[in-house]
Protein backbone atom coordinates (compact mmCIF):
# COMPACT_ATOMS: atom_id res chain seq x y z
CA UNK A 1 0.00 0.00 0.00
CA UNK A 2 1.43 3.41 -1.00
CA UNK A 3 0.51 7.07 -0.60
CA UNK A 4 2.28 9.09 -3.31
CA UNK A 5 5.61 7.29 -3.73
CA UNK A 6 6.07 6.34 -0.08
CA UNK A 7 5.18 2.73 0.82
CA UNK A 8 3.17 2.57 4.02
CA UNK A 9 2.88 -1.22 4.02
CA UNK A 10 5.18 -3.36 1.90
CA UNK A 11 4.66 -7.02 0.95
CA UNK A 12 2.81 -8.02 4.12
CA UNK A 13 0.92 -11.29 4.57
CA UNK A 14 -1.08 -12.71 7.48
CA UNK A 15 -4.26 -14.64 8.27
CA UNK A 16 -7.10 -13.76 10.62
CA UNK A 17 -8.82 -16.80 12.10
CA UNK A 18 -12.21 -17.07 13.76
CA UNK A 19 -12.13 -15.88 17.38
CA UNK A 20 -8.68 -14.29 16.96
CA UNK A 21 -8.37 -11.21 19.18
CA UNK A 22 -5.48 -9.26 17.69
CA UNK A 23 -3.73 -6.15 19.01
CA UNK A 24 -2.30 -4.03 16.19
CA UNK A 25 0.65 -2.02 17.49
CA UNK A 26 3.33 0.30 16.11
CA UNK A 27 4.45 3.89 16.46
CA UNK A 28 2.45 6.80 15.05
CA UNK A 29 2.49 6.82 11.26
CA UNK A 30 3.46 3.16 10.99
CA UNK A 31 0.30 2.27 9.04
CA UNK A 32 -2.08 0.82 11.64
CA UNK A 33 -5.12 2.85 10.57
CA UNK A 34 -4.27 2.23 6.91
CA UNK A 35 -4.37 -1.52 7.50
CA UNK A 36 -7.73 -1.29 9.29
CA UNK A 37 -9.20 0.71 6.40
CA UNK A 38 -7.86 -1.84 3.91
CA UNK A 39 -9.57 -4.65 5.83
CA UNK A 40 -12.76 -2.58 6.12
CA UNK A 41 -12.80 -2.15 2.33
CA UNK A 42 -12.34 1.63 2.42
CA UNK A 43 -8.96 1.34 0.66
CA UNK A 44 -7.76 -0.96 -2.08
CA UNK A 45 -4.16 -2.23 -1.93
CA UNK A 46 -1.68 -0.86 -4.48
CA UNK A 47 -0.56 -4.43 -5.12
CA UNK A 48 -1.50 -7.85 -3.78
CA UNK A 49 -4.99 -8.73 -2.62
CA UNK A 50 -7.16 -9.30 0.45
CA UNK A 51 -9.20 -12.51 0.46
CA UNK A 52 -12.47 -12.63 2.44
CA UNK A 53 -15.20 -15.22 2.85
CA UNK A 54 -18.08 -14.30 0.60
CA UNK A 55 -20.50 -13.94 3.54
CA UNK A 56 -18.05 -12.17 5.90
CA UNK A 57 -19.60 -9.31 7.89
CA UNK A 58 -17.37 -6.52 9.20
CA UNK A 59 -17.85 -3.78 11.78
CA UNK A 60 -15.38 -0.90 11.70
CA UNK A 61 -15.02 1.87 14.29
CA UNK A 62 -12.69 4.58 12.94
CA UNK A 63 -11.12 7.34 15.03
CA UNK A 64 -13.13 10.00 13.15
CA UNK A 65 -16.60 9.57 11.65
CA UNK A 66 -19.68 11.45 10.46
CA UNK A 67 -22.90 11.23 12.49
CA UNK A 68 -26.61 11.66 11.80
CA UNK A 69 -28.62 13.96 14.07
CA UNK A 70 -32.29 13.29 13.32
CA UNK A 71 -32.85 10.33 15.69
CA UNK A 72 -32.93 9.64 19.40
CA UNK A 73 -30.32 7.35 20.91
CA UNK A 74 -32.78 4.43 20.98
CA UNK A 75 -33.91 5.06 17.39
CA UNK A 76 -30.31 5.28 16.14
CA UNK A 77 -29.31 1.96 17.69
CA UNK A 78 -32.54 0.31 16.49
CA UNK A 79 -31.51 1.04 12.86
CA UNK A 80 -29.40 -2.12 12.96
CA UNK A 81 -32.31 -4.31 14.14
CA UNK A 82 -32.93 -7.10 11.60
CA UNK A 83 -36.48 -8.05 12.60
CA UNK A 84 -35.73 -11.19 14.63
CA UNK A 85 -36.66 -11.54 18.36
CA UNK A 86 -37.15 -7.85 19.12
CA UNK A 87 -37.47 -8.38 22.89
CA UNK A 88 -34.11 -10.13 23.04
CA UNK A 89 -32.48 -7.42 20.92
CA UNK A 90 -33.90 -4.63 23.12
CA UNK A 91 -32.66 -6.37 26.26
CA UNK A 92 -29.18 -6.74 24.76
CA UNK A 93 -29.28 -3.13 23.56
CA UNK A 94 -30.11 -1.90 27.07
CA UNK A 95 -27.27 -3.97 28.53
CA UNK A 96 -24.75 -2.75 25.94
CA UNK A 97 -25.65 0.93 26.23
CA UNK A 98 -25.56 0.92 30.03
CA UNK A 99 -22.27 -1.00 29.90
CA UNK A 100 -20.83 1.80 27.76
CA UNK A 101 -21.91 4.39 30.32
CA UNK A 102 -25.31 5.59 29.12
CA UNK A 103 -28.16 6.13 31.60
CA UNK A 104 -31.59 4.81 30.74
CA UNK A 105 -32.82 8.39 30.74
CA UNK A 106 -30.44 9.01 27.81
CA UNK A 107 -32.25 6.57 25.52
CA UNK A 108 -34.86 9.13 24.42
CA UNK A 109 -32.40 12.02 24.01
CA UNK A 110 -31.60 13.23 20.50
CA UNK A 111 -28.21 12.09 19.21
CA UNK A 112 -27.40 15.72 18.43
CA UNK A 113 -27.33 16.43 22.17
CA UNK A 114 -24.38 14.10 22.80
CA UNK A 115 -20.73 15.13 22.59
CA UNK A 116 -18.36 13.57 20.08
CA UNK A 117 -17.08 11.08 22.63
CA UNK A 118 -20.58 9.86 23.45
CA UNK A 119 -21.45 9.73 19.75
CA UNK A 120 -18.47 7.40 19.32
CA UNK A 121 -19.94 5.16 22.02
CA UNK A 122 -23.22 5.02 20.11
CA UNK A 123 -21.40 3.82 16.98
CA UNK A 124 -19.45 1.30 19.06
CA UNK A 125 -22.71 -0.03 20.54
CA UNK A 126 -24.17 -0.48 17.04
CA UNK A 127 -21.11 -2.48 15.96
CA UNK A 128 -21.12 -4.70 19.04
CA UNK A 129 -24.87 -5.40 18.75
CA UNK A 130 -24.50 -6.53 15.12
CA UNK A 131 -22.06 -9.27 16.16
CA UNK A 132 -20.10 -9.10 12.88
CA UNK A 133 -17.63 -11.83 11.96
CA UNK A 134 -14.77 -9.31 12.10
CA UNK A 135 -14.64 -6.29 14.42
CA UNK A 136 -12.12 -3.55 13.58
CA UNK A 137 -11.59 -0.94 16.32
CA UNK A 138 -9.29 2.09 16.01
CA UNK A 139 -8.54 3.49 19.50
CA UNK A 140 -11.91 2.47 21.01
CA UNK A 141 -10.92 3.47 24.56
CA UNK A 142 -10.11 7.11 23.75
CA UNK A 143 -13.52 8.32 24.93
CA UNK A 144 -14.32 5.67 27.55
CA UNK A 145 -14.04 5.94 31.31
CA UNK A 146 -12.43 3.21 33.40
CA UNK A 147 -15.67 1.35 34.07
CA UNK A 148 -16.64 1.36 30.40
CA UNK A 149 -13.18 0.18 29.37
CA UNK A 150 -13.45 -2.73 31.79
CA UNK A 151 -16.89 -3.58 30.42
CA UNK A 152 -15.57 -3.51 26.84
CA UNK A 153 -12.63 -5.74 27.85
CA UNK A 154 -15.03 -8.38 29.14
CA UNK A 155 -17.33 -8.05 26.13
CA UNK A 156 -14.50 -8.55 23.63
CA UNK A 157 -12.98 -11.40 25.64
CA UNK A 158 -16.29 -13.29 25.43
CA UNK A 159 -17.12 -12.29 21.84
CA UNK A 160 -17.38 -14.96 19.14
CA UNK A 161 -16.16 -12.45 16.53
CA UNK A 162 -12.61 -12.10 15.24
CA UNK A 163 -11.21 -8.80 16.55
CA UNK A 164 -8.45 -6.53 15.31
CA UNK A 165 -7.92 -3.37 17.38
CA UNK A 166 -5.54 -0.47 17.81
CA UNK A 167 -4.99 0.94 21.29
CA UNK A 168 -2.26 2.54 23.41
CA UNK A 169 -3.78 1.14 26.61
CA UNK A 170 -1.53 -1.75 27.67
CA UNK A 171 -3.90 -3.16 30.30
CA UNK A 172 -6.78 -3.08 27.81
CA UNK A 173 -4.71 -4.93 25.20
CA UNK A 174 -3.65 -7.58 27.70
CA UNK A 175 -7.23 -8.24 28.74
CA UNK A 176 -8.92 -7.98 25.35
CA UNK A 177 -6.42 -9.67 22.97
CA UNK A 178 -4.46 -12.91 22.66
CA UNK A 179 -2.31 -12.14 19.61
CA UNK A 180 -0.13 -9.14 18.68
CA UNK A 181 0.84 -7.84 15.23
CA UNK A 182 3.45 -5.08 15.12
CA UNK A 183 3.84 -2.77 12.13
CA UNK A 184 7.29 -1.24 11.74
CA UNK A 185 9.14 0.10 8.71
CA UNK A 186 6.28 -1.04 6.42
CA UNK A 187 6.55 -4.67 7.55
CA UNK A 188 4.66 -6.71 10.11
CA UNK A 189 5.80 -9.05 12.85
CA UNK A 190 3.21 -11.53 14.11
CA UNK A 191 3.32 -12.83 17.69
CA UNK A 192 0.80 -15.37 18.91
CA UNK A 193 0.82 -13.94 22.44
CA UNK A 194 -0.83 -11.05 24.34
CA UNK A 195 0.83 -7.66 24.44
CA UNK A 196 2.97 -8.02 27.58
CA UNK A 197 4.52 -11.25 26.34
CA UNK A 198 5.00 -9.65 22.92
CA UNK A 199 7.10 -6.89 24.53
CA UNK A 200 9.61 -9.43 25.82
CA UNK A 201 9.78 -11.26 22.48
CA UNK A 202 10.15 -8.01 20.57
CA UNK A 203 13.13 -7.06 22.73
CA UNK A 204 14.85 -10.28 21.65
CA UNK A 205 14.03 -9.54 18.01
CA UNK A 206 15.28 -5.96 18.30
CA UNK A 207 18.58 -7.11 19.77
CA UNK A 208 19.01 -9.60 16.93
CA UNK A 209 18.10 -6.87 14.44
CA UNK A 210 20.71 -4.51 15.86
CA UNK A 211 23.41 -7.20 15.76
CA UNK A 212 22.55 -8.05 12.14
CA UNK A 213 22.54 -4.36 11.20
CA UNK A 214 25.94 -3.73 12.81
CA UNK A 215 27.42 -6.78 11.10
CA UNK A 216 26.07 -5.64 7.74
CA UNK A 217 27.41 -2.11 8.25
CA UNK A 218 30.85 -3.54 8.99
CA UNK A 219 30.70 -5.68 5.83
CA UNK A 220 29.60 -2.66 3.75
CA UNK A 221 32.43 -0.51 5.10
CA UNK A 222 35.00 -3.21 4.36
CA UNK A 223 33.62 -3.76 0.85
CA UNK A 224 33.57 -0.04 0.07
CA UNK A 225 37.12 0.30 1.37
CA UNK A 226 38.24 -2.54 -0.94
CA UNK A 227 36.52 -0.92 -3.92
CA UNK A 228 38.07 2.47 -3.21
CA UNK A 229 41.52 0.99 -2.67
CA UNK A 230 41.66 -1.10 -5.86
CA UNK A 231 39.29 0.84 -8.13
CA UNK A 232 42.05 1.84 -10.57
CA UNK A 233 44.16 -1.34 -10.48
CA UNK A 234 43.68 -3.42 -13.61
CA UNK A 235 44.67 -6.65 -11.83
CA UNK A 236 41.79 -6.16 -9.38
CA UNK A 237 39.14 -5.01 -11.87
CA UNK A 238 37.14 -8.26 -11.76
CA UNK A 239 37.06 -8.33 -7.96
CA UNK A 240 36.11 -4.65 -7.79
CA UNK A 241 33.21 -5.07 -10.22
CA UNK A 242 32.06 -8.18 -8.38
CA UNK A 243 31.91 -6.29 -5.09
CA UNK A 244 30.16 -3.32 -6.64
CA UNK A 245 27.45 -5.68 -7.92
CA UNK A 246 27.34 -7.32 -4.49
CA UNK A 247 26.56 -3.97 -2.85
CA UNK A 248 23.99 -3.07 -5.52
CA UNK A 249 22.09 -6.31 -4.89
CA UNK A 250 22.38 -6.09 -1.10
CA UNK A 251 19.12 -5.66 0.79
CA UNK A 252 19.98 -2.98 3.33
CA UNK A 253 18.87 -3.75 6.86
CA UNK A 254 17.21 -1.09 8.99
CA UNK A 255 16.74 -0.71 12.72
CA UNK A 256 13.50 0.83 13.92
CA UNK A 257 14.38 3.72 16.24
CA UNK A 258 11.77 5.73 18.11
CA UNK A 259 11.37 9.26 16.79
CA UNK A 260 10.79 11.76 19.59
CA UNK A 261 12.08 14.78 17.71
CA UNK A 262 8.63 16.33 17.32
CA UNK A 263 7.51 15.76 20.88
CA UNK A 264 6.19 18.95 22.46
CA UNK A 265 5.43 18.32 26.12
CA UNK A 266 3.46 20.93 28.05
CA UNK A 267 2.64 21.25 31.71
CA UNK A 268 -1.04 21.43 32.64
CA UNK A 269 -2.15 25.08 33.02
CA UNK A 270 -1.07 26.34 36.44
CA UNK A 271 -3.89 27.41 38.80
CA UNK A 272 -3.48 31.11 39.60
CA UNK A 273 -1.62 31.77 42.84
CA UNK A 274 -1.15 34.96 44.83
CA UNK A 275 1.22 37.65 43.58
CA UNK A 276 4.05 36.48 45.84
CA UNK A 277 4.30 32.66 46.09
CA UNK A 278 7.35 32.87 48.41
CA UNK A 279 8.32 35.66 50.87
CA UNK A 280 11.35 35.13 53.16
CA UNK A 281 12.67 37.60 55.76
CA UNK A 282 15.77 37.16 57.94
CA UNK A 283 15.71 33.38 57.73
CA UNK A 284 18.43 31.37 59.47
CA UNK A 285 18.98 27.64 59.57
CA UNK A 286 21.37 25.91 61.99
CA UNK A 287 22.44 22.32 62.22
CA UNK A 288 23.61 22.12 65.81
CA UNK A 289 26.26 24.80 66.21
CA UNK A 290 26.76 25.11 62.45
CA UNK A 291 24.87 27.88 60.66
CA UNK A 292 24.17 26.90 57.06
CA UNK A 293 22.36 30.07 55.92
CA UNK A 294 21.57 33.29 57.75
CA UNK A 295 19.86 36.65 57.14
CA UNK A 296 18.13 35.30 54.03
CA UNK A 297 15.64 37.81 52.66
CA UNK A 298 14.04 37.32 49.26
CA UNK A 299 10.71 37.59 47.46
CA UNK A 300 9.72 35.46 44.49
CA UNK A 301 6.90 36.85 42.34
CA UNK A 302 4.26 34.86 40.54
CA UNK A 303 5.54 33.63 37.16
CA UNK A 304 9.23 34.20 37.94
CA UNK A 305 11.75 31.54 37.03
CA UNK A 306 14.80 31.66 39.30
CA UNK A 307 17.93 29.56 39.87
CA UNK A 308 19.64 28.64 43.14
CA UNK A 309 23.37 28.18 42.47
CA UNK A 310 26.43 27.63 44.61
CA UNK A 311 28.87 25.10 45.94
CA UNK A 312 27.56 21.90 47.51
CA UNK A 313 26.84 22.35 51.19
CA UNK A 314 26.13 26.09 50.94
CA UNK A 315 22.43 25.69 51.72
CA UNK A 316 20.55 25.48 48.42
CA UNK A 317 18.72 22.27 49.27
CA UNK A 318 18.36 23.40 52.88
CA UNK A 319 16.42 26.51 51.82
CA UNK A 320 14.30 24.43 49.46
CA UNK A 321 13.42 22.08 52.30
CA UNK A 322 12.51 25.07 54.48
CA UNK A 323 10.14 26.27 51.73
CA UNK A 324 8.66 22.78 51.58
CA UNK A 325 8.06 22.82 55.35
CA UNK A 326 10.39 19.89 55.91
CA UNK A 327 12.81 21.77 58.21
CA UNK A 328 12.47 24.11 61.17
CA UNK A 329 14.15 27.53 60.94
CA UNK A 330 14.40 30.95 62.54
CA UNK A 331 12.86 33.97 60.84
CA UNK A 332 9.85 34.40 58.54
CA UNK A 333 8.84 32.31 55.54
CA UNK A 334 5.43 32.78 53.94
CA UNK A 335 3.89 30.68 51.17
CA UNK A 336 1.43 32.75 49.14
CA UNK A 337 -2.28 32.30 48.56
CA UNK A 338 -3.41 29.22 46.62
CA UNK A 339 0.16 28.01 46.02
CA UNK A 340 0.34 24.39 44.92
CA UNK A 341 3.91 23.08 45.00
CA UNK A 342 5.38 20.43 42.73
CA UNK A 343 8.69 19.26 44.19
CA UNK A 344 11.48 17.20 42.67
CA UNK A 345 13.99 16.29 45.38
CA UNK A 346 17.38 14.72 44.82
CA UNK A 347 16.03 11.59 46.56
CA UNK A 348 12.73 11.70 44.71
CA UNK A 349 13.48 8.41 42.99
CA UNK A 350 13.40 6.52 46.30
CA UNK A 351 9.75 7.53 46.82
CA UNK A 352 8.44 5.59 43.79
CA UNK A 353 6.37 2.42 44.18
CA UNK A 354 8.81 -0.35 43.28
CA UNK A 355 6.09 -2.85 42.38
CA UNK A 356 4.65 -0.75 39.53
CA UNK A 357 5.96 -0.73 35.98
CA UNK A 358 7.30 2.43 34.37
CA UNK A 359 4.10 2.82 32.35
CA UNK A 360 1.86 2.25 35.38
CA UNK A 361 3.78 4.84 37.39
CA UNK A 362 2.97 7.51 34.82
CA UNK A 363 -0.48 6.22 33.93
CA UNK A 364 -1.43 6.61 37.61
CA UNK A 365 -1.03 10.40 37.55
CA UNK A 366 -1.75 11.25 33.88
CA UNK A 367 -5.05 12.96 33.16
CA UNK A 368 -6.90 14.31 30.13
CA UNK A 369 -5.42 14.28 26.63
CA UNK A 370 -1.93 13.59 27.97
CA UNK A 371 -2.99 9.96 28.53
CA UNK A 372 -2.95 9.36 24.79
CA UNK A 373 0.72 10.45 24.62
CA UNK A 374 2.18 8.57 27.58
CA UNK A 375 4.33 6.31 25.41
CA UNK A 376 5.69 9.28 23.41
CA UNK A 377 6.59 11.05 26.65
CA UNK A 378 8.27 7.93 28.01
CA UNK A 379 10.18 7.54 24.75
CA UNK A 380 11.51 11.09 25.02
CA UNK A 381 12.93 10.22 28.42
CA UNK A 382 14.57 6.95 27.27
CA UNK A 383 11.73 4.65 28.32
CA UNK A 384 10.59 3.80 24.81
CA UNK A 385 9.23 0.43 23.74
CA UNK A 386 9.80 -2.47 26.11
CA UNK A 387 11.55 -0.25 28.67
CA UNK A 388 8.12 1.12 29.62
CA UNK A 389 7.16 -2.32 30.94
CA UNK A 390 10.09 -2.64 33.36
CA UNK A 391 9.30 -2.78 37.06
CA UNK A 392 10.56 0.22 39.05
CA UNK A 393 12.49 -2.10 41.37
CA UNK A 394 14.82 -3.21 38.55
CA UNK A 395 15.62 0.35 37.39
CA UNK A 396 18.96 1.99 38.05
CA UNK A 397 19.17 5.13 40.14
CA UNK A 398 19.38 7.29 37.03
CA UNK A 399 16.37 5.60 35.46
CA UNK A 400 14.36 6.11 38.63
CA UNK A 401 15.25 9.80 38.69
CA UNK A 402 14.10 10.21 35.10
CA UNK A 403 10.85 8.43 35.90
CA UNK A 404 10.24 10.63 38.95
CA UNK A 405 10.78 13.69 36.77
CA UNK A 406 8.20 12.53 34.20
CA UNK A 407 5.69 11.90 37.00
CA UNK A 408 6.17 15.41 38.30
CA UNK A 409 5.66 16.90 34.83
CA UNK A 410 2.12 15.55 34.73
CA UNK A 411 0.91 16.82 38.13
CA UNK A 412 -0.80 20.25 38.02
CA UNK A 413 0.90 22.86 40.23
CA UNK A 414 1.77 26.57 40.15
CA UNK A 415 5.13 26.51 41.99
CA UNK A 416 7.69 24.04 40.69
CA UNK A 417 10.77 23.41 42.82
CA UNK A 418 13.38 21.26 41.06
CA UNK A 419 16.52 20.17 42.92
CA UNK A 420 19.15 19.06 40.37
CA UNK A 421 16.59 17.89 37.80
CA UNK A 422 19.04 17.16 34.97
CA UNK A 423 21.56 14.95 36.76
CA UNK A 424 20.34 11.79 35.04
CA UNK A 425 18.75 13.17 31.88
CA UNK A 426 20.26 12.69 28.44
CA UNK A 427 20.45 15.61 26.03
CA UNK A 428 17.13 14.93 24.32
CA UNK A 429 15.27 14.46 27.60
CA UNK A 430 16.84 17.61 28.99
CA UNK A 431 15.67 19.66 26.01
CA UNK A 432 12.16 18.27 26.31
CA UNK A 433 12.10 19.27 29.99
CA UNK A 434 13.59 22.70 29.31
CA UNK A 435 11.06 23.49 26.59
CA UNK A 436 8.23 22.42 28.87
CA UNK A 437 9.54 24.62 31.69
CA UNK A 438 9.87 27.61 29.35
CA UNK A 439 6.19 27.29 28.49
CA UNK A 440 5.15 26.66 32.11
CA UNK A 441 2.98 29.59 33.22
CA UNK A 442 3.62 29.13 36.93
CA UNK A 443 6.60 29.94 39.15
CA UNK A 444 9.87 28.00 39.03
CA UNK A 445 12.74 27.54 41.50
CA UNK A 446 15.52 25.44 39.99
CA UNK A 447 18.59 24.22 41.87
CA UNK A 448 21.10 23.30 39.18
CA UNK A 449 24.71 23.46 38.06
CA UNK A 450 23.85 22.98 34.39
CA UNK A 451 24.38 26.35 32.69
CA UNK A 452 23.06 25.21 29.30
CA UNK A 453 19.86 24.02 30.95
CA UNK A 454 19.44 27.31 32.87
CA UNK A 455 20.37 29.53 29.90
CA UNK A 456 17.24 31.14 28.53
CA UNK A 457 15.15 29.52 31.27
CA UNK A 458 15.71 31.70 34.36
CA UNK A 459 15.71 35.47 34.68
CA UNK A 460 17.11 35.72 38.20
CA UNK A 461 19.92 33.93 40.05
CA UNK A 462 20.30 33.50 43.80
CA UNK A 463 23.93 32.88 44.75
CA UNK A 464 24.58 30.75 47.85
CA UNK A 465 27.95 31.12 49.58
CA UNK A 466 29.46 31.85 52.97
CA UNK A 467 26.11 31.41 54.68
CA UNK A 468 24.61 34.25 52.61
CA UNK A 469 22.16 34.34 49.70
CA UNK A 470 22.71 37.13 47.17
CA UNK A 471 20.31 38.14 44.41
CA UNK A 472 21.48 38.70 40.81
CA UNK A 473 19.04 40.09 38.23
CA UNK A 474 19.46 38.54 34.79
CA UNK A 475 20.11 35.14 33.25
CA UNK A 476 22.75 32.61 34.15
CA UNK A 477 25.34 33.99 31.70
CA UNK A 478 24.77 37.52 33.04
CA UNK A 479 25.58 36.13 36.48
CA UNK A 480 28.69 34.31 35.26
CA UNK A 481 29.94 37.46 33.52
CA UNK A 482 29.76 39.33 36.83
CA UNK A 483 31.88 36.54 38.31
CA UNK A 484 34.22 36.52 35.29
CA UNK A 485 33.77 32.75 35.00
CA UNK A 486 32.87 30.48 32.11
CA UNK A 487 30.82 27.85 33.91
CA UNK A 488 28.94 27.07 37.08
CA UNK A 489 31.39 24.27 37.77
CA UNK A 490 34.19 26.87 37.80
CA UNK A 491 32.12 29.11 40.09
CA UNK A 492 31.46 26.22 42.45
CA UNK A 493 35.15 25.26 42.47
CA UNK A 494 36.63 28.75 42.91
CA UNK A 495 34.68 30.07 45.89
CA UNK A 496 37.26 31.09 48.53
CA UNK A 497 37.27 29.30 51.85
CA UNK A 498 37.67 31.59 54.86
CA UNK A 499 39.69 30.58 57.89
CA UNK A 500 38.68 31.63 61.35
CA UNK A 501 41.05 33.39 63.75
CA UNK A 502 41.08 30.26 65.88
CA UNK A 503 42.38 28.17 62.96
CA UNK A 504 45.12 30.73 62.24
CA UNK A 505 46.24 30.83 65.89
CA UNK A 506 46.30 27.04 66.05
CA UNK A 507 48.42 26.86 62.93
CA UNK A 508 50.97 29.36 64.29
CA UNK A 509 51.58 27.14 67.32
CA UNK A 510 52.43 24.07 65.27
CA UNK A 511 56.01 22.94 65.00
CA UNK A 512 58.12 23.68 61.97
CA UNK A 513 58.08 20.01 60.90
CA UNK A 514 54.33 19.81 61.18
CA UNK A 515 53.94 22.97 59.12
CA UNK A 516 56.39 21.64 56.54
CA UNK A 517 54.51 18.34 56.25
CA UNK A 518 51.20 20.09 55.99
CA UNK A 519 52.56 22.46 53.36
CA UNK A 520 53.74 19.49 51.31
CA UNK A 521 50.37 17.80 51.70
CA UNK A 522 48.64 21.02 50.73
CA UNK A 523 50.74 21.38 47.58
CA UNK A 524 50.00 17.79 46.67
CA UNK A 525 46.28 18.33 47.18
CA UNK A 526 46.34 21.57 45.21
CA UNK A 527 48.07 19.76 42.38
CA UNK A 528 45.44 17.01 42.46
CA UNK A 529 42.68 19.62 42.49
CA UNK A 530 44.25 21.45 39.55
CA UNK A 531 44.63 18.20 37.60
CA UNK A 532 41.02 17.26 38.37
CA UNK A 533 39.80 20.71 37.33
CA UNK A 534 41.76 20.45 34.08
CA UNK A 535 40.23 17.04 33.40
CA UNK A 536 36.73 18.37 34.12
CA UNK A 537 37.33 21.26 31.72
CA UNK A 538 38.56 18.85 29.04
CA UNK A 539 35.55 16.58 29.51
CA UNK A 540 33.14 19.54 29.42
CA UNK A 541 34.62 20.63 26.09
CA UNK A 542 34.28 17.07 24.80
CA UNK A 543 30.66 16.99 26.03
CA UNK A 544 29.93 20.25 24.21
CA UNK A 545 31.40 18.88 20.98
CA UNK A 546 29.26 15.75 21.30
CA UNK A 547 26.13 17.85 21.91
CA UNK A 548 26.85 19.83 18.75
CA UNK A 549 27.45 16.58 16.83
CA UNK A 550 24.24 14.98 18.07
CA UNK A 551 22.16 17.92 16.88
CA UNK A 552 22.63 16.53 13.36
CA UNK A 553 20.35 13.62 12.50
CA UNK A 554 23.03 11.61 10.68
CA UNK A 555 25.14 11.47 13.83
CA UNK A 556 22.33 10.37 16.17
CA UNK A 557 23.55 6.81 16.41
CA UNK A 558 23.38 4.47 19.36
CA UNK A 559 27.17 4.53 19.60
CA UNK A 560 27.30 8.33 19.80
CA UNK A 561 24.54 8.54 22.40
CA UNK A 562 26.38 5.94 24.50
CA UNK A 563 29.60 7.94 24.16
CA UNK A 564 27.77 11.11 25.23
CA UNK A 565 26.31 9.37 28.29
CA UNK A 566 29.77 7.99 29.16
CA UNK A 567 31.26 11.51 29.07
CA UNK A 568 28.49 12.79 31.34
CA UNK A 569 29.21 9.96 33.76
CA UNK A 570 32.92 10.80 33.79
CA UNK A 571 32.15 14.48 34.48
CA UNK A 572 29.95 13.56 37.44
CA UNK A 573 32.66 11.22 38.73
CA UNK A 574 35.36 13.88 38.43
CA UNK A 575 33.15 16.51 40.10
CA UNK A 576 32.64 14.08 42.96
CA UNK A 577 36.42 13.56 43.21
CA UNK A 578 36.93 17.33 43.14
CA UNK A 579 34.39 17.84 45.95
CA UNK A 580 36.16 15.25 48.12
CA UNK A 581 39.56 16.89 47.50
CA UNK A 582 38.21 20.40 48.12
CA UNK A 583 36.35 19.51 51.30
CA UNK A 584 39.11 17.38 52.85
């Protein structure tokens, strides 16, 4: 099947048997709806043919349809009545309509009074009551509530019809189907198992596909290198021509990669809060005899996006926890009228339910239209395909952090507080989050050391250092220019450490040998710090080059993404080493 010159489905073959209940899956644009319309007779294949029994009856529920308005609900459904055993038909009609969520008082209402979603239910009821030999359903659960979905699951499970349906609801597919057909790259893969089992089998197939693809790419490179090397040698002419023909005849393998480039995630509209979501005056927080922050006075206005920056241990997270009401403090801290806080803590991942899957974790909090895009959102944050079916308890710490971030994105709030949100996000996921935060119409407090993430996102910076919090108007690069520094990592590394008079007096009383030994140890540590800083700078430059490279589609390979993630890991490791050296 082709539209223009682009094949949607290419040389596919499969059989549908009586009582088959088939889930049709594949990413958006793969050809699922096209296949349903071919089977419904609305399209004719460009080549090949579809064989049907001569007396086959088909019921097709498309995603979009035209409705008639001149009948009541009861009259519309009765149009399919064939004149046999009216009492039985009416009883079944009543059961079906109430199962799909209609009240009996709705039966005499005009169809024109119902919304599009309820009109879709009317059409679904007509199909189910006809008991066709083949039922074709394109996203039937889009306009159903939970109870109606459960009713439809049971109905389809007990139906004597063959069923082919498209849905993004995993639980619905598991309950309603017993066979899974995947469409990818114009081809189909047929699995005689329900959806969850299909996911595991598809993972095995994908791994085999990747291995075969990599082996073929290696062979192609070697062949092309041979051709280029001996192209102009007469003694090798036969071999060169043979290999050119070999490449021409070669069927190039492809690997189906999820495309999240067009994903545009948005936060739910923020409920309006008071003009000043956070007001702090003369706040001080002590841990025992140690004062972390003191004399903190700041006001955050509704709609502002601000950053908390500074060296670890200077009180950024402490102030956040004070705002959240998790810590006691001295001074005044007021949360404004109607403020609803969404909070991402550094330990947020540990709060997830380990017995849920990735998909279930997000499905639990998703509401409205966003439910239809859960898998796209998960794909953007590296939980595409079978990864969405992993249990939380088997995820790594980084994976859990990413999952916690997605969950937060879907909960309506008007004050977002994010504590190091990008630590475990890849470049694509980070950009998705940043774009969503830019469009967020509430207030944002972001604790982060990632200048690229903060650039263009925040308009005010609060600097934490020496127990004080200082306000800087402007973006993150405006702040860095005032500090004459190139990066937040440099700012965090170069803050001077003050020595108390007591420390100085103690040092003056030490013996010459002790001072000499300490001086040597200090020089050694300073050298290690300098070497670590140099390595961090080198890795940051390498990370920047990789980010530039990965902006080009042709370089977005699995190998390059893995290399990018490895560099990020090394930077985090070196920063951790630097912190240990600096604090010791």
